[in-house]
Amino acid sequence: MKPLPWMNKRQAEEGTHEVASWSDLRQEMERMYETYLREPVERIGRGFESLAPWGPALDIAESDQAVTVRVEIPGVEPSEIDLQVTGNQLTIAGEKKEHSQHAGEDFFHSERRFGKFRRSVQLPVGIDAEQVTAEYDHGVLTVRLPKSQGVKPKRVEVRSPASNAM
């Protein structure tokens, strides 16, 4: 049973009168979304990327002793990275400068990001800000944030009346 008397664009152009399936309806709605909403909104935003900071991709890992944050920021000088820990928030900011060597070239496609970047993350636990270390290698910034003593796991022995009698 076909639930809706819907024809997609192809069927309308071909003049077929078959009723489309849900998947055809979904594909048509996705196409309309891309055509009328997503692409125009993206075009509006183009040209303003250099004005707003961008956020580099990062990974956050947690062990018993520390939280480790790895951030991909290739092409950035370590001296251009501003790293701050405030309470349970880590903020990484800086600027990736473009060194243009493309004289006489027109870009067909370009996805690399340049300009100021900023990324703040809420850390899952209390951090000992005095012990934070950072290392930059091959375009990846690794920040190691040791947990404060109060939040490190502590093993607690479970007692029972039977164990006290021995």
Foldseek 3Di string as FASTA:
>chain_A
DADDQDDAPVCVVVVDRDRDHPVSVVVRVVVCCVPPPDVVVVVVCPPCCQVDAAAFDWDWDDDLWWIKIKTFAPQDDPVQWDWDDDWQKIKIKGWRDDDDPQPPDDDPDDDDDGHIHMDMDGHPATFPRVPWDWDADRRMIMIITTHDPVRRDDDDDDDDPVVVVD
